[in-house]
Every structure is written in C-alpha cells, then in structure tokens.
Amino acid sequence: MIIFITGGVRSGKSTFALQVAERKVEKSGVIHYIATSTRSDIEMDDRINRHIEERQMRDKRYVTHEKSTHIEKLMVHFKEGDAVILDCLTGLVTAEFFCSIDQGIELWKESLFQQQLLERLSDTFMVMQQSPIPCIVVTNELFDDIIPNDKSTIAYLKLMGRIHQKIVSICTQAYLVEAGIPLLKKDVEVR
C-alpha cells in the first residue's frame, strides 16, 4: 500500500508522513525511515542527525536507512506490521538520475537510461503498492515554479512528472500538503 504525500518545501509533508506512519504501524512493528539525503557537509550531517534524534524521541520505534539509490534493496528488512517512510522521492530520483556524473559520464542524456530508470522505479513502487506494508512516499512539488531552460533540469523534471503520475495512478491515497494542512486528493478503498 502506497500513500503519496506531496507539497512545497517546508509545507509540513514530512511531519504529516510521520503521523500517518505512526497510525499505520502495528504495536510490535517498526517504522522504517528511508532518508535519501546524502551527508554532503557538516550542516547536512547536523540536520540528518537532528532528525534521527527527533524520531527517536517519538513514541514509536524508528529505524533509519540512509539510502540515496536502489531503495529496492531495503525491502528485505520490512515485515508485516511495519510501516515505511520514503523521504523523499525527489532526492532519490536526483541521486539516481545524476549518479554517473561523479565518474564524468552523463548517462542522464541517454533516453535508454531514462527509460530503464523509470521502469526500475515503477517496478519498485508497484511491489510496494502490492505489499500489505504501508509505504508513505514523500515528494516535493516541483512544477509550480518557472521551468528552467537547461537540458538536464528539463529532462529531470520530465522524469519526475512521469514518476509522480505513475505512483499516483497506483497508490491508495494521495495528499497535497500546504501550510501544514493535508488535502486528500485520492482515496481508494482497500479491500
């Protein structure tokens, strides 16, 4: 089961995701928090550590997985009764899309690479949707700003749009969070 949560930066979507996960996890379960941000500098280290500490202070048991690519490899850790938060999809797709730049290769320019990435991520989310384990997918709303004219950003935004549409087409619930208020956009009855 996927619950999709989107919104602008600092809109309250991560806080809402924690609340949803805490309602969905069973007493004996664990909330698996997949953090896709990477530790790039001291400020980011401090922010990540502060968020981990804040989750540990909550009433539920959290396990943090710092994984910016290939989240499908984490699924072996999830069991029935658990809940999963992916925070955030935007970071995951950014890391996956631009992963080859560090080696001086720009795979993002190749349509085959883009298609294979879309298919792999779509397959991952299809498995998550079919699982009884609730997976809360947090993402940033990127399509309200002016569209830049550089090729890499345009290609990235097109891919993000396709992934958002794919996940929303299969998810159980979809929310838009604005100023801390979650607005339900889709709700499919679970049988």
C-alpha atoms as a PDB file:
ATOM      1  CA  MET A   1       0.000   0.000   0.000  1.00  0.00           C
ATOM      2  CA  ILE A   2       1.384   3.400  -1.011  1.00  0.00           C
ATOM      3  CA  ILE A   3       0.327   6.712   0.490  1.00  0.00           C
ATOM      4  CA  PHE A   4       1.681   9.546  -1.666  1.00  0.00           C
ATOM      5  CA  ILE A   5       2.374  12.922   0.001  1.00  0.00           C
ATOM      6  CA  THR A   6       3.474  15.938  -1.999  1.00  0.00           C
ATOM      7  CA  GLY A   7       3.892  19.604  -1.193  1.00  0.00           C
ATOM      8  CA  GLY A   8       6.265  22.515  -1.355  1.00  0.00           C
ATOM      9  CA  VAL A   9       9.448  22.907   0.644  1.00  0.00           C
ATOM     10  CA  ARG A  10       8.714  23.236   4.393  1.00  0.00           C
ATOM     11  CA  SER A  11       4.994  22.632   3.795  1.00  0.00           C
ATOM     12  CA  GLY A  12       4.709  20.095   6.642  1.00  0.00           C
ATOM     13  CA  LYS A  13       4.659  16.978   4.473  1.00  0.00           C
ATOM     14  CA  SER A  14       7.358  15.111   6.444  1.00  0.00           C
ATOM     15  CA  THR A  15       5.600  15.788   9.752  1.00  0.00           C
ATOM     16  CA  PHE A  16       2.346  14.545   8.236  1.00  0.00           C
ATOM     17  CA  ALA A  17       4.152  11.442   6.918  1.00  0.00           C
ATOM     18  CA  LEU A  18       5.356  10.639  10.461  1.00  0.00           C
ATOM     19  CA  GLN A  19       1.797  10.967  11.764  1.00  0.00           C
ATOM     20  CA  VAL A  20       0.419   8.676   9.042  1.00  0.00           C
ATOM     21  CA  ALA A  21       3.127   6.059   9.646  1.00  0.00           C
ATOM     22  CA  GLU A  22       2.521   6.115  13.402  1.00  0.00           C
ATOM     23  CA  ARG A  23      -1.184   5.446  12.811  1.00  0.00           C
ATOM     24  CA  LYS A  24      -0.460   2.626  10.343  1.00  0.00           C
ATOM     25  CA  VAL A  25       2.314   0.726  12.165  1.00  0.00           C
ATOM     26  CA  GLU A  26       1.231  -2.090  14.451  1.00  0.00           C
ATOM     27  CA  LYS A  27       2.296  -2.172  18.127  1.00  0.00           C
ATOM     28  CA  SER A  28       5.078  -4.689  17.522  1.00  0.00           C
ATOM     29  CA  GLY A  29       6.091  -3.073  14.230  1.00  0.00           C
ATOM     30  CA  VAL A  30       8.890  -0.745  13.257  1.00  0.00           C
ATOM     31  CA  ILE A  31       8.745   2.399  11.158  1.00  0.00           C
ATOM     32  CA  HIS A  32      11.495   2.180   8.553  1.00  0.00           C
ATOM     33  CA  TYR A  33      12.554   5.694   7.591  1.00  0.00           C
ATOM     34  CA  ILE A  34      14.382   5.768   4.250  1.00  0.00           C
ATOM     35  CA  ALA A  35      16.356   9.003   4.150  1.00  0.00           C
ATOM     36  CA  THR A  36      17.509   9.761   0.616  1.00  0.00           C
ATOM     37  CA  SER A  37      19.520  12.874   1.531  1.00  0.00           C
ATOM     38  CA  THR A  38      23.268  12.458   1.432  1.00  0.00           C
ATOM     39  CA  ARG A  39      25.727  13.679   4.028  1.00  0.00           C
ATOM     40  CA  SER A  40      27.453  16.281   1.890  1.00  0.00           C
ATOM     41  CA  ASP A  41      28.781  18.693   4.532  1.00  0.00           C
ATOM     42  CA  ILE A  42      28.767  19.435   8.275  1.00  0.00           C
ATOM     43  CA  GLU A  43      25.484  21.357   8.083  1.00  0.00           C
ATOM     44  CA  MET A  44      23.766  18.410   6.374  1.00  0.00           C
ATOM     45  CA  ASP A  45      25.292  15.976   8.893  1.00  0.00           C
ATOM     46  CA  ASP A  46      23.874  18.082  11.733  1.00  0.00           C
ATOM     47  CA  ARG A  47      20.446  18.255  10.100  1.00  0.00           C
ATOM     48  CA  ILE A  48      20.288  14.499   9.457  1.00  0.00           C
ATOM     49  CA  ASN A  49      21.459  13.683  12.995  1.00  0.00           C
ATOM     50  CA  ARG A  50      18.922  16.126  14.491  1.00  0.00           C
ATOM     51  CA  HIS A  51      16.093  14.471  12.515  1.00  0.00           C
ATOM     52  CA  ILE A  52      17.200  10.998  13.641  1.00  0.00           C
ATOM     53  CA  GLU A  53      17.246  12.166  17.272  1.00  0.00           C
ATOM     54  CA  GLU A  54      13.792  13.756  16.891  1.00  0.00           C
ATOM     55  CA  ARG A  55      12.348  10.478  15.541  1.00  0.00           C
ATOM     56  CA  GLN A  56      13.926   8.523  18.418  1.00  0.00           C
ATOM     57  CA  MET A  57      12.097  10.797  20.882  1.00  0.00           C
ATOM     58  CA  ARG A  58       8.703   9.805  19.458  1.00  0.00           C
ATOM     59  CA  ASP A  59       6.534   7.014  20.908  1.00  0.00           C
ATOM     60  CA  LYS A  60       7.163   4.553  18.060  1.00  0.00           C
ATOM     61  CA  ARG A  61      10.271   2.583  17.144  1.00  0.00           C
ATOM     62  CA  TYR A  62      12.106   4.005  14.128  1.00  0.00           C
ATOM     63  CA  VAL A  63      14.930   2.506  12.110  1.00  0.00           C
ATOM     64  CA  THR A  64      16.679   4.928   9.766  1.00  0.00           C
ATOM     65  CA  HIS A  65      18.109   3.712   6.461  1.00  0.00           C
ATOM     66  CA  GLU A  66      20.324   6.287   4.752  1.00  0.00           C
ATOM     67  CA  LYS A  67      19.998   5.192   1.125  1.00  0.00           C
ATOM     68  CA  SER A  68      20.014   7.601  -1.809  1.00  0.00           C
ATOM     69  CA  THR A  69      19.792   4.983  -4.590  1.00  0.00           C
ATOM     70  CA  HIS A  70      18.420   1.480  -5.170  1.00  0.00           C
ATOM     71  CA  ILE A  71      15.887   1.517  -2.339  1.00  0.00           C
ATOM     72  CA  GLU A  72      14.514  -1.805  -3.588  1.00  0.00           C
ATOM     73  CA  LYS A  73      17.420  -3.474  -1.790  1.00  0.00           C
ATOM     74  CA  LEU A  74      15.921  -2.411   1.558  1.00  0.00           C
ATOM     75  CA  MET A  75      12.679  -4.349   1.124  1.00  0.00           C
ATOM     76  CA  VAL A  76      14.143  -7.454   2.746  1.00  0.00           C
ATOM     77  CA  HIS A  77      14.112  -5.551   6.064  1.00  0.00           C
ATOM     78  CA  PHE A  78      10.354  -4.833   6.065  1.00  0.00           C
ATOM     79  CA  LYS A  79       7.889  -7.215   7.683  1.00  0.00           C
ATOM     80  CA  GLU A  80       4.152  -7.278   8.087  1.00  0.00           C
ATOM     81  CA  GLY A  81       3.119  -4.893  10.865  1.00  0.00           C
ATOM     82  CA  ASP A  82       5.834  -2.385   9.928  1.00  0.00           C
ATOM     83  CA  ALA A  83       5.434   0.900   8.066  1.00  0.00           C
ATOM     84  CA  VAL A  84       7.854   2.596   5.680  1.00  0.00           C
ATOM     85  CA  ILE A  85       8.503   6.269   5.010  1.00  0.00           C
ATOM     86  CA  LEU A  86      10.477   7.238   1.896  1.00  0.00           C
ATOM     87  CA  ASP A  87      11.647  10.816   2.454  1.00  0.00           C
ATOM     88  CA  CYS A  88      11.989  11.900  -0.168  1.00  0.00           C
ATOM     89  CA  LEU A  89      11.324  10.726  -3.706  1.00  0.00           C
ATOM     90  CA  THR A  90      12.822  13.901  -5.141  1.00  0.00           C
ATOM     91  CA  GLY A  91      16.174  13.135  -3.513  1.00  0.00           C
ATOM     92  CA  LEU A  92      16.041   9.515  -4.654  1.00  0.00           C
ATOM     93  CA  VAL A  93      15.359  10.424  -8.283  1.00  0.00           C
ATOM     94  CA  THR A  94      18.016  13.162  -8.226  1.00  0.00           C
ATOM     95  CA  ALA A  95      20.655  10.712  -6.962  1.00  0.00           C
ATOM     96  CA  GLU A  96      19.576   8.002  -9.420  1.00  0.00           C
ATOM     97  CA  PHE A  97      19.314  10.394 -12.383  1.00  0.00           C
ATOM     98  CA  PHE A  98      22.661  12.107 -11.892  1.00  0.00           C
ATOM     99  CA  CYS A  99      24.572   9.126 -10.386  1.00  0.00           C
ATOM    100  CA  SER A 100      27.037   8.841 -13.245  1.00  0.00           C
ATOM    101  CA  ILE A 101      28.216  12.458 -13.245  1.00  0.00           C
ATOM    102  CA  ASP A 102      30.783  11.740 -10.498  1.00  0.00           C
ATOM    103  CA  GLN A 103      32.540   9.390 -12.914  1.00  0.00           C
ATOM    104  CA  GLY A 104      32.497  12.017 -15.677  1.00  0.00           C
ATOM    105  CA  ILE A 105      29.707  10.222 -17.567  1.00  0.00           C
ATOM    106  CA  GLU A 106      26.376  11.876 -18.245  1.00  0.00           C
ATOM    107  CA  LEU A 107      24.004   8.927 -18.578  1.00  0.00           C
ATOM    108  CA  TRP A 108      21.036  11.219 -17.927  1.00  0.00           C
ATOM    109  CA  LYS A 109      21.355  12.391 -21.534  1.00  0.00           C
ATOM    110  CA  GLU A 110      20.549   8.910 -22.876  1.00  0.00           C
ATOM    111  CA  SER A 111      16.885   8.091 -23.411  1.00  0.00           C
ATOM    112  CA  LEU A 112      17.561   4.376 -22.793  1.00  0.00           C
ATOM    113  CA  PHE A 113      18.994   5.177 -19.346  1.00  0.00           C
ATOM    114  CA  GLN A 114      15.982   7.379 -18.548  1.00  0.00           C
ATOM    115  CA  GLN A 115      13.550   4.674 -19.658  1.00  0.00           C
ATOM    116  CA  GLN A 116      15.339   1.945 -17.674  1.00  0.00           C
ATOM    117  CA  LEU A 117      15.379   4.133 -14.564  1.00  0.00           C
ATOM    118  CA  LEU A 118      11.664   4.880 -14.925  1.00  0.00           C
ATOM    119  CA  GLU A 119      10.909   1.159 -15.363  1.00  0.00           C
ATOM    120  CA  ARG A 120      13.032   0.107 -12.363  1.00  0.00           C
ATOM    121  CA  LEU A 121      11.472   2.717 -10.091  1.00  0.00           C
ATOM    122  CA  SER A 122       7.979   1.904 -11.397  1.00  0.00           C
ATOM    123  CA  ASP A 123       8.577  -1.779 -10.657  1.00  0.00           C
ATOM    124  CA  THR A 124       9.783  -0.916  -7.141  1.00  0.00           C
ATOM    125  CA  PHE A 125       6.689   1.145  -6.409  1.00  0.00           C
ATOM    126  CA  MET A 126       4.392  -1.483  -7.896  1.00  0.00           C
ATOM    127  CA  VAL A 127       5.840  -4.040  -5.448  1.00  0.00           C
ATOM    128  CA  MET A 128       5.378  -1.555  -2.588  1.00  0.00           C
ATOM    129  CA  GLN A 129       1.754  -0.936  -3.600  1.00  0.00           C
ATOM    130  CA  GLN A 130       1.008  -4.670  -3.680  1.00  0.00           C
ATOM    131  CA  SER A 131       2.590  -5.212  -0.266  1.00  0.00           C
ATOM    132  CA  PRO A 132       0.455  -5.139   2.900  1.00  0.00           C
ATOM    133  CA  ILE A 133       3.124  -2.904   4.466  1.00  0.00           C
ATOM    134  CA  PRO A 134       2.099   0.767   4.279  1.00  0.00           C
ATOM    135  CA  CYS A 135       4.691   2.838   2.432  1.00  0.00           C
ATOM    136  CA  ILE A 136       4.424   6.600   2.724  1.00  0.00           C
ATOM    137  CA  VAL A 137       6.179   8.299  -0.195  1.00  0.00           C
ATOM    138  CA  VAL A 138       7.084  11.953   0.415  1.00  0.00           C
ATOM    139  CA  THR A 139       7.996  14.145  -2.543  1.00  0.00           C
ATOM    140  CA  ASN A 140       8.459  17.797  -3.396  1.00  0.00           C
ATOM    141  CA  GLU A 141       6.066  19.652  -5.644  1.00  0.00           C
ATOM    142  CA  LEU A 142       8.398  20.923  -8.357  1.00  0.00           C
ATOM    143  CA  PHE A 143       6.015  22.073 -11.034  1.00  0.00           C
ATOM    144  CA  ASP A 144       4.783  25.399  -9.653  1.00  0.00           C
ATOM    145  CA  ASP A 145       7.993  27.307 -10.381  1.00  0.00           C
ATOM    146  CA  ILE A 146       9.326  28.683 -13.625  1.00  0.00           C
ATOM    147  CA  ILE A 147      10.726  25.849 -15.728  1.00  0.00           C
ATOM    148  CA  PRO A 148      14.462  26.373 -16.291  1.00  0.00           C
ATOM    149  CA  ASN A 149      15.851  26.064 -19.789  1.00  0.00           C
ATOM    150  CA  ASP A 150      18.887  23.834 -19.199  1.00  0.00           C
ATOM    151  CA  LYS A 151      18.612  20.344 -20.686  1.00  0.00           C
ATOM    152  CA  SER A 152      19.463  18.383 -17.530  1.00  0.00           C
ATOM    153  CA  THR A 153      16.787  20.088 -15.413  1.00  0.00           C
ATOM    154  CA  ILE A 154      14.155  19.742 -18.137  1.00  0.00           C
ATOM    155  CA  ALA A 155      14.938  16.029 -18.539  1.00  0.00           C
ATOM    156  CA  TYR A 156      14.901  15.555 -14.748  1.00  0.00           C
ATOM    157  CA  LEU A 157      11.549  17.349 -14.363  1.00  0.00           C
ATOM    158  CA  LYS A 158      10.005  15.290 -17.165  1.00  0.00           C
ATOM    159  CA  LEU A 159      11.132  12.109 -15.417  1.00  0.00           C
ATOM    160  CA  MET A 160       9.836  13.340 -12.039  1.00  0.00           C
ATOM    161  CA  GLY A 161       6.480  14.146 -13.608  1.00  0.00           C
ATOM    162  CA  ARG A 162       6.239  10.661 -15.113  1.00  0.00           C
ATOM    163  CA  ILE A 163       7.199   9.009 -11.806  1.00  0.00           C
ATOM    164  CA  HIS A 164       4.710  11.136  -9.857  1.00  0.00           C
ATOM    165  CA  GLN A 165       1.950  10.201 -12.299  1.00  0.00           C
ATOM    166  CA  LYS A 166       2.873   6.510 -12.131  1.00  0.00           C
ATOM    167  CA  ILE A 167       2.844   6.404  -8.332  1.00  0.00           C
ATOM    168  CA  VAL A 168      -0.392   8.381  -8.051  1.00  0.00           C
ATOM    169  CA  SER A 169      -2.049   6.083 -10.600  1.00  0.00           C
ATOM    170  CA  ILE A 170      -1.369   3.036  -8.397  1.00  0.00           C
ATOM    171  CA  CYS A 171      -1.390   4.476  -4.862  1.00  0.00           C
ATOM    172  CA  THR A 172      -4.136   4.013  -2.293  1.00  0.00           C
ATOM    173  CA  GLN A 173      -4.142   7.626  -1.093  1.00  0.00           C
ATOM    174  CA  ALA A 174      -2.596  10.863  -2.337  1.00  0.00           C
ATOM    175  CA  TYR A 175      -2.260  14.094  -0.351  1.00  0.00           C
ATOM    176  CA  LEU A 176      -1.124  17.608  -1.135  1.00  0.00           C
ATOM    177  CA  VAL A 177       0.188  19.377   1.992  1.00  0.00           C
ATOM    178  CA  GLU A 178       0.021  23.167   2.062  1.00  0.00           C
ATOM    179  CA  ALA A 179       0.976  25.234   5.131  1.00  0.00           C
ATOM    180  CA  GLY A 180       0.734  22.136   7.324  1.00  0.00           C
ATOM    181  CA  ILE A 181      -2.741  21.206   6.092  1.00  0.00           C
ATOM    182  CA  PRO A 182      -3.032  17.839   4.292  1.00  0.00           C
ATOM    183  CA  LEU A 183      -5.533  17.905   1.435  1.00  0.00           C
ATOM    184  CA  LEU A 184      -6.750  14.462   0.367  1.00  0.00           C
ATOM    185  CA  LYS A 185      -6.617  14.234  -3.440  1.00  0.00           C
ATOM    186  CA  LYS A 186      -7.176  10.485  -3.937  1.00  0.00           C
ATOM    187  CA  ASP A 187      -8.623   7.774  -1.734  1.00  0.00           C
ATOM    188  CA  VAL A 188      -9.143   4.239  -2.994  1.00  0.00           C
ATOM    189  CA  GLU A 189     -10.964   1.780  -0.749  1.00  0.00           C
ATOM    190  CA  VAL A 190      -8.642  -1.061   0.292  1.00  0.00           C
ATOM    191  CA  ARG A 191     -10.315  -4.481   0.046  1.00  0.00           C
END
